[in-house]
Amino acid sequence: MLRDCELDALPRDKTLHVWFGRPESPQAGRLDDHFPLFDAHLSLTLLDALIRSLPLRSVYVRVSAHFAGQFLSGWLKLRHPDIVVVQEMYDQTLMLTDEKLMRAYDCDAEDIYLARLSELASLELCDLVLVKNGGLLWEDACHGLGAPQCLIYPRVDLPLPVAGTPDPEAIIFAGTLPIPSTVDQESDHLDMRYVEMIQRLPADSGLRIDLFNAAHRLPGHDALFAPYHALAGAGQLLRYHPGLPFDRMIQRLPDYGWGWHIMHGDEADAEPVSRVGIGNKFTTYLACGLPVLIDPQFQFMADLVRAYGAGLVVAPADLPTLPQRLGAVDREHLRLGGQRLIAMMRAVNATSRGHVMTLLAGG
């Protein structure tokens, strides 16, 4: 959420980077050496001894529902109550169903219980929690919990791409698609039905839709994702592409008229995390000047789109008539609404960063 370069503003001679994770974790391969690095080897005893040996005043904790470690913030506050603890919560098991956690992340019932209990402890005990969530469902989940929260909108401070010449009939999807052979068998892909929703558009719509699959990065992936190539080749509606590096992808986005963020077939498909969260695709589209096409099950994001006029909220039942709707709207007006929304998000982020740095500095 807060980018590494933002945390790099902390004084190097007074900051220690502590790694508490498995060496095979994907995160371990992205450890940098801007700050001195200490590997706690998943040992609370070692971590406790380190804390007691230092004049430690504050801790910034970065955890995710995708990796172990949700308990650390609560443990820190209970064990060392005088230390200021700021926790970044990227995703939460509180906002993922049991079935999703078991199938997608290989959690068992005990894992889920302990992770959720840990997140509740953090939301009660921490001095500040950073989230990318909002809306009534999130407010209900946090009701009565005492930790102050700050909202961080991801990826809104991108370097601005070169202005493109947007094609009003061109739609882009830039994100992760599931391996086609697993879609029918695995219920954890019910919330990744982007292609299925696109197929509900009429084939003679005159629209051009390009799919850039972030999961398709290596030559060895070609066979896994071949059905998408075949699907795209069957008609004029779709074109399929492997993923591009992020810096190249954002240079392509301004050439499109719309960003696609529609994936839910009906209300039962939506994970709670989709209802409350702000997605990277959503903010990236907006930051690159694209109005967003989004389904109403993304409740918090859809509410922002409506409030700022930053795109169109499209129910699944309305997809067959979407081409006519796109032809009738003022796309430039929606683009400007998106820019107002991005400006608001950047202002919120600046305020949130200020709170974080003040707390970490002991203010």
Protein backbone atom coordinates (compact mmCIF):
# COMPACT_ATOMS: atom_id res chain seq x y z
CA MET A 1 0.00 0.00 0.00
CA LEU A 2 2.59 2.55 1.02
CA ARG A 3 5.26 2.03 -1.61
CA ASP A 4 8.81 1.11 -0.64
CA CYS A 5 10.05 4.43 -2.00
CA GLU A 6 7.70 6.24 0.39
CA LEU A 7 8.99 4.30 3.38
CA ASP A 8 12.52 5.01 2.18
CA ALA A 9 11.95 8.53 3.48
CA LEU A 10 12.45 7.20 7.02
CA PRO A 11 15.91 8.00 8.45
CA ARG A 12 18.27 5.24 7.36
CA ASP A 13 20.44 5.44 10.49
CA LYS A 14 17.39 4.93 12.72
CA THR A 15 15.43 2.33 10.72
CA LEU A 16 15.79 -1.45 10.61
CA HIS A 17 14.04 -3.74 8.12
CA VAL A 18 12.97 -6.92 9.93
CA TRP A 19 11.92 -9.92 7.82
CA PHE A 20 9.58 -12.37 9.58
CA GLY A 21 8.67 -14.88 6.89
CA ARG A 22 9.58 -18.04 5.05
CA PRO A 23 12.62 -17.98 2.75
CA GLU A 24 10.58 -19.56 -0.06
CA SER A 25 7.94 -16.81 0.12
CA PRO A 26 7.66 -14.66 -3.04
CA GLN A 27 8.18 -11.63 -0.80
CA ALA A 28 11.62 -12.87 0.27
CA GLY A 29 12.89 -12.45 -3.26
CA ARG A 30 11.94 -8.76 -3.23
CA LEU A 31 13.83 -7.74 -0.10
CA ASP A 32 16.00 -4.71 -0.76
CA ASP A 33 18.92 -3.30 1.17
CA HIS A 34 17.89 0.35 1.51
CA PHE A 35 17.76 -0.26 5.27
CA PRO A 36 19.83 -2.72 7.29
CA LEU A 37 18.05 -6.09 7.13
CA PHE A 38 17.46 -8.49 10.01
CA ASP A 39 16.00 -11.96 9.37
CA ALA A 40 14.02 -13.12 12.40
CA HIS A 41 13.73 -16.67 10.96
CA LEU A 42 10.06 -16.88 11.98
CA SER A 43 11.15 -16.83 15.64
CA LEU A 44 9.15 -14.74 18.10
CA THR A 45 11.84 -15.40 20.71
CA LEU A 46 14.46 -13.90 18.43
CA LEU A 47 12.18 -11.01 17.49
CA ASP A 48 11.43 -10.29 21.14
CA ALA A 49 15.13 -10.30 22.01
CA LEU A 50 15.86 -7.91 19.13
CA ILE A 51 13.17 -5.48 20.29
CA ARG A 52 14.45 -5.52 23.86
CA SER A 53 17.99 -4.82 22.65
CA LEU A 54 17.03 -1.69 20.73
CA PRO A 55 15.71 1.75 21.69
CA LEU A 56 12.66 0.91 19.58
CA ARG A 57 9.95 3.57 19.38
CA SER A 58 7.72 2.55 16.47
CA VAL A 59 7.07 -0.33 14.05
CA TYR A 60 5.48 -0.37 10.60
CA VAL A 61 4.03 -3.84 9.93
CA ARG A 62 3.20 -5.01 6.42
CA VAL A 63 1.10 -8.19 6.27
CA SER A 64 -1.48 -9.70 3.93
CA ALA A 65 -4.18 -12.35 4.01
CA HIS A 66 -2.08 -14.14 1.38
CA PHE A 67 0.85 -14.75 3.76
CA ALA A 68 1.27 -15.78 7.39
CA GLY A 69 1.94 -13.05 9.92
CA GLN A 70 -1.40 -11.41 10.68
CA PHE A 71 -0.81 -11.97 14.40
CA LEU A 72 2.36 -9.85 14.60
CA SER A 73 0.76 -6.48 15.28
CA GLY A 74 -1.44 -7.75 18.09
CA TRP A 75 1.52 -9.65 19.57
CA LEU A 76 3.66 -6.53 19.43
CA LYS A 77 1.06 -4.37 21.21
CA LEU A 78 0.43 -6.97 23.91
CA ARG A 79 4.10 -7.75 24.45
CA HIS A 80 5.44 -4.19 24.07
CA PRO A 81 2.50 -1.83 24.70
CA ASP A 82 4.63 1.33 24.65
CA ILE A 83 5.74 0.78 21.05
CA VAL A 84 3.74 2.60 18.38
CA VAL A 85 2.47 0.03 15.85
CA VAL A 86 1.21 1.02 12.42
CA GLN A 87 -0.16 -1.88 10.41
CA GLU A 88 -0.77 -2.06 6.69
CA MET A 89 -3.62 -4.45 5.86
CA TYR A 90 -3.58 -5.22 2.15
CA ASP A 91 -6.28 -7.90 2.19
CA GLN A 92 -7.99 -9.51 5.15
CA THR A 93 -9.23 -13.02 5.87
CA LEU A 94 -12.18 -11.21 7.49
CA MET A 95 -13.26 -10.24 3.96
CA LEU A 96 -12.65 -13.61 2.28
CA THR A 97 -15.03 -16.57 2.56
CA ASP A 98 -13.93 -19.84 4.13
CA GLU A 99 -14.25 -21.59 0.77
CA LYS A 100 -12.02 -19.04 -0.98
CA LEU A 101 -9.35 -19.29 1.72
CA MET A 102 -9.40 -23.10 1.71
CA ARG A 103 -9.26 -23.50 -2.06
CA ALA A 104 -7.12 -20.58 -3.15
CA TYR A 105 -4.74 -20.28 -0.19
CA ASP A 106 -4.77 -23.83 1.23
CA CYS A 107 -5.95 -22.72 4.67
CA ASP A 108 -7.67 -25.07 7.09
CA ALA A 109 -10.35 -24.11 9.60
CA GLU A 110 -7.83 -23.43 12.37
CA ASP A 111 -5.71 -21.23 10.08
CA ILE A 112 -8.77 -19.17 9.19
CA TYR A 113 -9.93 -18.79 12.80
CA LEU A 114 -6.51 -17.68 14.05
CA ALA A 115 -5.95 -15.29 11.13
CA ARG A 116 -9.31 -13.60 11.64
CA LEU A 117 -8.78 -13.38 15.39
CA SER A 118 -5.39 -11.77 14.73
CA GLU A 119 -6.89 -9.23 12.34
CA LEU A 120 -9.55 -8.30 14.86
CA ALA A 121 -6.82 -7.83 17.49
CA SER A 122 -4.94 -5.52 15.13
CA LEU A 123 -8.09 -3.53 14.39
CA GLU A 124 -8.56 -3.09 18.14
CA LEU A 125 -5.01 -2.61 19.45
CA CYS A 126 -2.87 -0.89 16.79
CA ASP A 127 -2.10 2.81 16.92
CA LEU A 128 -3.05 3.08 13.23
CA VAL A 129 -4.23 0.64 10.56
CA LEU A 130 -3.90 1.36 6.84
CA VAL A 131 -6.60 -0.17 4.65
CA LYS A 132 -7.81 0.12 1.07
CA ASN A 133 -11.41 -0.61 2.08
CA GLY A 134 -14.57 1.40 2.53
CA GLY A 135 -18.34 1.28 2.39
CA LEU A 136 -21.04 0.05 4.72
CA LEU A 137 -19.93 -3.61 4.77
CA TRP A 138 -16.43 -2.64 5.94
CA GLU A 139 -17.82 -0.19 8.49
CA ASP A 140 -20.05 -2.95 9.88
CA ALA A 141 -17.09 -5.37 10.08
CA CYS A 142 -15.06 -2.82 12.08
CA HIS A 143 -17.89 -1.57 14.28
CA GLY A 144 -16.77 -1.26 17.89
CA LEU A 145 -13.09 -1.85 17.15
CA GLY A 146 -10.83 0.84 18.51
CA ALA A 147 -7.83 1.24 16.20
CA PRO A 148 -7.86 4.41 14.06
CA GLN A 149 -7.84 3.72 10.32
CA CYS A 150 -6.45 5.58 7.34
CA LEU A 151 -7.48 4.84 3.78
CA ILE A 152 -4.78 4.35 1.15
CA TYR A 153 -5.78 4.18 -2.52
CA PRO A 154 -3.29 1.95 -4.37
CA ARG A 155 -1.48 3.02 -7.54
CA VAL A 156 -2.88 6.51 -7.84
CA ASP A 157 0.52 8.22 -7.82
CA LEU A 158 1.76 6.67 -11.05
CA PRO A 159 4.13 8.52 -13.36
CA LEU A 160 1.77 9.97 -15.94
CA PRO A 161 1.87 8.10 -19.26
CA VAL A 162 2.26 9.91 -22.55
CA ALA A 163 -1.17 11.11 -23.68
CA GLY A 164 -2.69 8.73 -26.19
CA THR A 165 -5.38 9.00 -28.82
CA PRO A 166 -8.18 7.00 -27.22
CA ASP A 167 -10.42 4.90 -29.42
CA PRO A 168 -13.95 5.24 -27.96
CA GLU A 169 -14.83 1.77 -29.23
CA ALA A 170 -11.76 0.10 -27.71
CA ILE A 171 -11.92 -1.57 -24.28
CA ILE A 172 -8.96 -2.97 -22.37
CA PHE A 173 -8.72 -5.54 -19.62
CA ALA A 174 -5.30 -5.54 -17.94
CA GLY A 175 -5.10 -7.97 -15.04
CA THR A 176 -4.95 -11.60 -14.00
CA LEU A 177 -6.98 -14.28 -15.76
CA PRO A 178 -7.30 -17.85 -14.43
CA ILE A 179 -5.89 -20.87 -16.29
CA PRO A 180 -8.83 -21.86 -18.53
CA SER A 181 -8.68 -25.56 -17.66
CA THR A 182 -9.41 -24.78 -14.00
CA VAL A 183 -12.33 -22.41 -14.43
CA ASP A 184 -15.10 -25.00 -14.46
CA GLN A 185 -13.64 -27.17 -11.70
CA GLU A 186 -12.47 -24.63 -9.11
CA SER A 187 -15.00 -22.46 -7.33
CA ASP A 188 -12.21 -20.10 -6.30
CA HIS A 189 -12.37 -18.74 -9.85
CA LEU A 190 -16.01 -17.72 -9.61
CA ASP A 191 -14.82 -14.21 -8.80
CA MET A 192 -12.61 -14.04 -11.92
CA ARG A 193 -15.24 -14.31 -14.64
CA TYR A 194 -14.04 -11.40 -16.76
CA VAL A 195 -14.02 -13.31 -20.05
CA GLU A 196 -17.42 -14.85 -19.42
CA MET A 197 -18.89 -11.41 -18.87
CA ILE A 198 -17.24 -10.08 -22.04
CA GLN A 199 -18.82 -12.95 -23.98
CA ARG A 200 -22.24 -11.61 -23.01
CA LEU A 201 -21.65 -8.64 -25.31
CA PRO A 202 -23.09 -9.01 -28.82
CA ALA A 203 -20.44 -10.20 -31.29
CA ASP A 204 -21.54 -7.59 -33.85
CA SER A 205 -21.20 -4.68 -31.39
CA GLY A 206 -18.36 -3.00 -33.25
CA LEU A 207 -16.36 -2.89 -30.01
CA ARG A 208 -12.73 -4.04 -29.81
CA ILE A 209 -11.62 -5.66 -26.57
CA ASP A 210 -7.99 -6.42 -25.78
CA LEU A 211 -7.16 -8.79 -22.92
CA PHE A 212 -3.71 -8.48 -21.33
CA ASN A 213 -3.20 -11.37 -18.93
CA ALA A 214 -0.74 -10.57 -16.13
CA ALA A 215 -0.54 -14.28 -15.25
CA HIS A 216 0.83 -15.07 -18.73
CA ARG A 217 4.44 -13.87 -18.58
CA LEU A 218 6.70 -16.77 -19.60
CA PRO A 219 7.00 -18.82 -22.82
CA GLY A 220 6.05 -21.91 -20.83
CA HIS A 221 2.67 -20.34 -20.12
CA ASP A 222 1.62 -20.35 -23.78
CA ALA A 223 0.04 -23.81 -23.65
CA LEU A 224 -1.77 -23.09 -20.37
CA PHE A 225 -3.51 -20.04 -21.80
CA ALA A 226 -3.92 -21.26 -25.39
CA PRO A 227 -7.75 -21.44 -25.09
CA TYR A 228 -7.84 -17.65 -24.72
CA HIS A 229 -5.96 -17.31 -28.01
CA ALA A 230 -8.47 -19.65 -29.65
CA LEU A 231 -11.38 -17.71 -28.19
CA ALA A 232 -9.98 -14.44 -29.46
CA GLY A 233 -9.38 -15.90 -32.90
CA ALA A 234 -12.96 -17.08 -33.25
CA GLY A 235 -14.43 -13.62 -33.72
CA GLN A 236 -13.68 -9.94 -34.09
CA LEU A 237 -14.63 -8.96 -30.54
CA LEU A 238 -11.57 -10.18 -28.61
CA ARG A 239 -7.82 -10.03 -28.94
CA TYR A 240 -5.69 -11.84 -26.37
CA HIS A 241 -2.18 -10.85 -25.27
CA PRO A 242 0.29 -12.09 -22.67
CA GLY A 243 0.97 -9.66 -19.85
CA LEU A 244 3.34 -6.73 -20.24
CA PRO A 245 5.69 -5.23 -17.64
CA PHE A 246 3.81 -2.61 -15.68
CA ASP A 247 5.76 0.36 -17.04
CA ARG A 248 4.96 -0.71 -20.62
CA MET A 249 1.33 -1.50 -19.79
CA ILE A 250 0.56 1.98 -18.50
CA GLN A 251 1.96 3.46 -21.71
CA ARG A 252 -0.59 1.41 -23.71
CA LEU A 253 -3.64 2.25 -21.61
CA PRO A 254 -4.28 5.82 -22.87
CA ASP A 255 -4.97 4.48 -26.38
CA TYR A 256 -8.16 2.81 -25.15
CA GLY A 257 -11.55 4.32 -24.52
CA TRP A 258 -12.58 2.24 -21.51
CA GLY A 259 -11.14 0.03 -18.74
CA TRP A 260 -13.00 -3.25 -18.10
CA HIS A 261 -13.71 -4.15 -14.46
CA ILE A 262 -16.78 -6.38 -14.84
CA MET A 263 -16.51 -9.95 -13.59
CA HIS A 264 -19.48 -10.86 -11.38
CA GLY A 265 -22.39 -12.73 -12.90
CA ASP A 266 -24.70 -12.22 -9.93
CA GLU A 267 -24.60 -11.22 -6.29
CA ALA A 268 -23.64 -14.70 -5.09
CA ASP A 269 -20.35 -14.48 -7.01
CA ALA A 270 -18.96 -11.54 -5.06
CA GLU A 271 -16.46 -12.16 -2.28
CA PRO A 272 -16.74 -9.62 0.56
CA VAL A 273 -13.26 -8.35 -0.36
CA SER A 274 -14.60 -7.36 -3.79
CA ARG A 275 -17.44 -5.43 -2.19
CA VAL A 276 -15.26 -3.34 0.13
CA GLY A 277 -11.88 -3.05 -1.60
CA ILE A 278 -10.16 -0.70 -4.02
CA GLY A 279 -8.49 -2.71 -6.79
CA ASN A 280 -5.22 -2.00 -8.55
CA LYS A 281 -6.83 -2.28 -12.00
CA PHE A 282 -9.48 0.25 -11.03
CA THR A 283 -7.08 2.97 -9.94
CA THR A 284 -4.60 2.25 -12.74
CA TYR A 285 -7.30 2.70 -15.38
CA LEU A 286 -8.35 5.99 -13.81
CA ALA A 287 -4.80 7.28 -13.37
CA CYS A 288 -4.18 6.65 -17.08
CA GLY A 289 -7.28 8.59 -18.12
CA LEU A 290 -9.74 5.76 -18.80
CA PRO A 291 -13.37 5.82 -17.65
CA VAL A 292 -14.13 2.50 -15.93
CA LEU A 293 -16.79 -0.07 -16.76
CA ILE A 294 -17.53 -1.80 -13.46
CA ASP A 295 -20.19 -4.13 -12.09
CA PRO A 296 -22.27 -3.18 -9.04
CA GLN A 297 -20.92 -6.04 -6.89
CA PHE A 298 -17.70 -4.01 -6.53
CA GLN A 299 -19.77 -1.90 -4.16
CA PHE A 300 -17.22 0.60 -2.81
CA MET A 301 -15.63 1.24 -6.20
CA ALA A 302 -19.00 1.39 -7.96
CA ASP A 303 -20.22 3.97 -5.43
CA LEU A 304 -17.18 6.13 -6.22
CA VAL A 305 -17.78 5.80 -9.97
CA ARG A 306 -21.37 6.98 -9.50
CA ALA A 307 -20.43 9.81 -7.15
CA TYR A 308 -17.73 11.26 -9.42
CA GLY A 309 -19.15 10.30 -12.80
CA ALA A 310 -15.95 8.35 -13.49
CA GLY A 311 -17.38 5.64 -15.73
CA LEU A 312 -20.42 3.38 -15.96
CA VAL A 313 -21.79 0.86 -13.46
CA VAL A 314 -23.03 -2.05 -15.57
CA ALA A 315 -25.21 -4.85 -14.22
CA PRO A 316 -24.69 -8.26 -15.89
CA ALA A 317 -28.22 -8.23 -17.28
CA ASP A 318 -27.42 -4.98 -19.11
CA LEU A 319 -24.32 -6.24 -20.94
CA PRO A 320 -26.15 -7.06 -24.22
CA THR A 321 -27.12 -3.38 -24.56
CA LEU A 322 -23.82 -1.92 -23.37
CA PRO A 323 -22.61 -0.99 -26.91
CA GLN A 324 -25.61 1.31 -27.41
CA ARG A 325 -25.06 2.83 -23.98
CA LEU A 326 -21.39 3.55 -24.76
CA GLY A 327 -22.39 5.23 -27.99
CA ALA A 328 -24.81 7.54 -26.21
CA VAL A 329 -22.65 8.81 -23.32
CA ASP A 330 -20.17 11.69 -23.23
CA ARG A 331 -16.91 9.79 -22.72
CA GLU A 332 -14.91 12.98 -22.20
CA HIS A 333 -17.21 14.01 -19.36
CA LEU A 334 -16.64 10.63 -17.72
CA ARG A 335 -12.88 10.90 -18.22
CA LEU A 336 -12.88 14.24 -16.43
CA GLY A 337 -14.93 12.68 -13.64
CA GLY A 338 -12.23 10.05 -13.34
CA GLN A 339 -9.58 12.74 -13.03
CA ARG A 340 -11.55 14.39 -10.22
CA LEU A 341 -11.76 11.03 -8.49
CA ILE A 342 -8.02 10.45 -8.83
CA ALA A 343 -7.33 13.95 -7.45
CA MET A 344 -9.46 13.12 -4.38
CA MET A 345 -7.62 9.81 -3.90
CA ARG A 346 -4.23 11.49 -4.11
CA ALA A 347 -5.26 14.06 -1.52
CA VAL A 348 -6.47 11.32 0.84
CA ASN A 349 -3.21 9.42 0.36
CA ALA A 350 -1.15 12.51 1.14
CA THR A 351 -3.06 13.00 4.40
CA SER A 352 -2.69 9.31 5.30
CA ARG A 353 1.05 9.36 4.60
CA GLY A 354 1.38 12.39 6.85
CA HIS A 355 -0.34 10.55 9.71
CA VAL A 356 1.94 7.53 9.25
CA MET A 357 5.17 9.51 9.20
CA THR A 358 4.11 11.58 12.20
CA LEU A 359 3.39 8.44 14.22
CA LEU A 360 6.59 6.68 13.17
CA ALA A 361 8.58 9.77 14.11
CA GLY A 362 7.06 9.75 17.57
CA GLY A 363 4.82 12.76 17.05
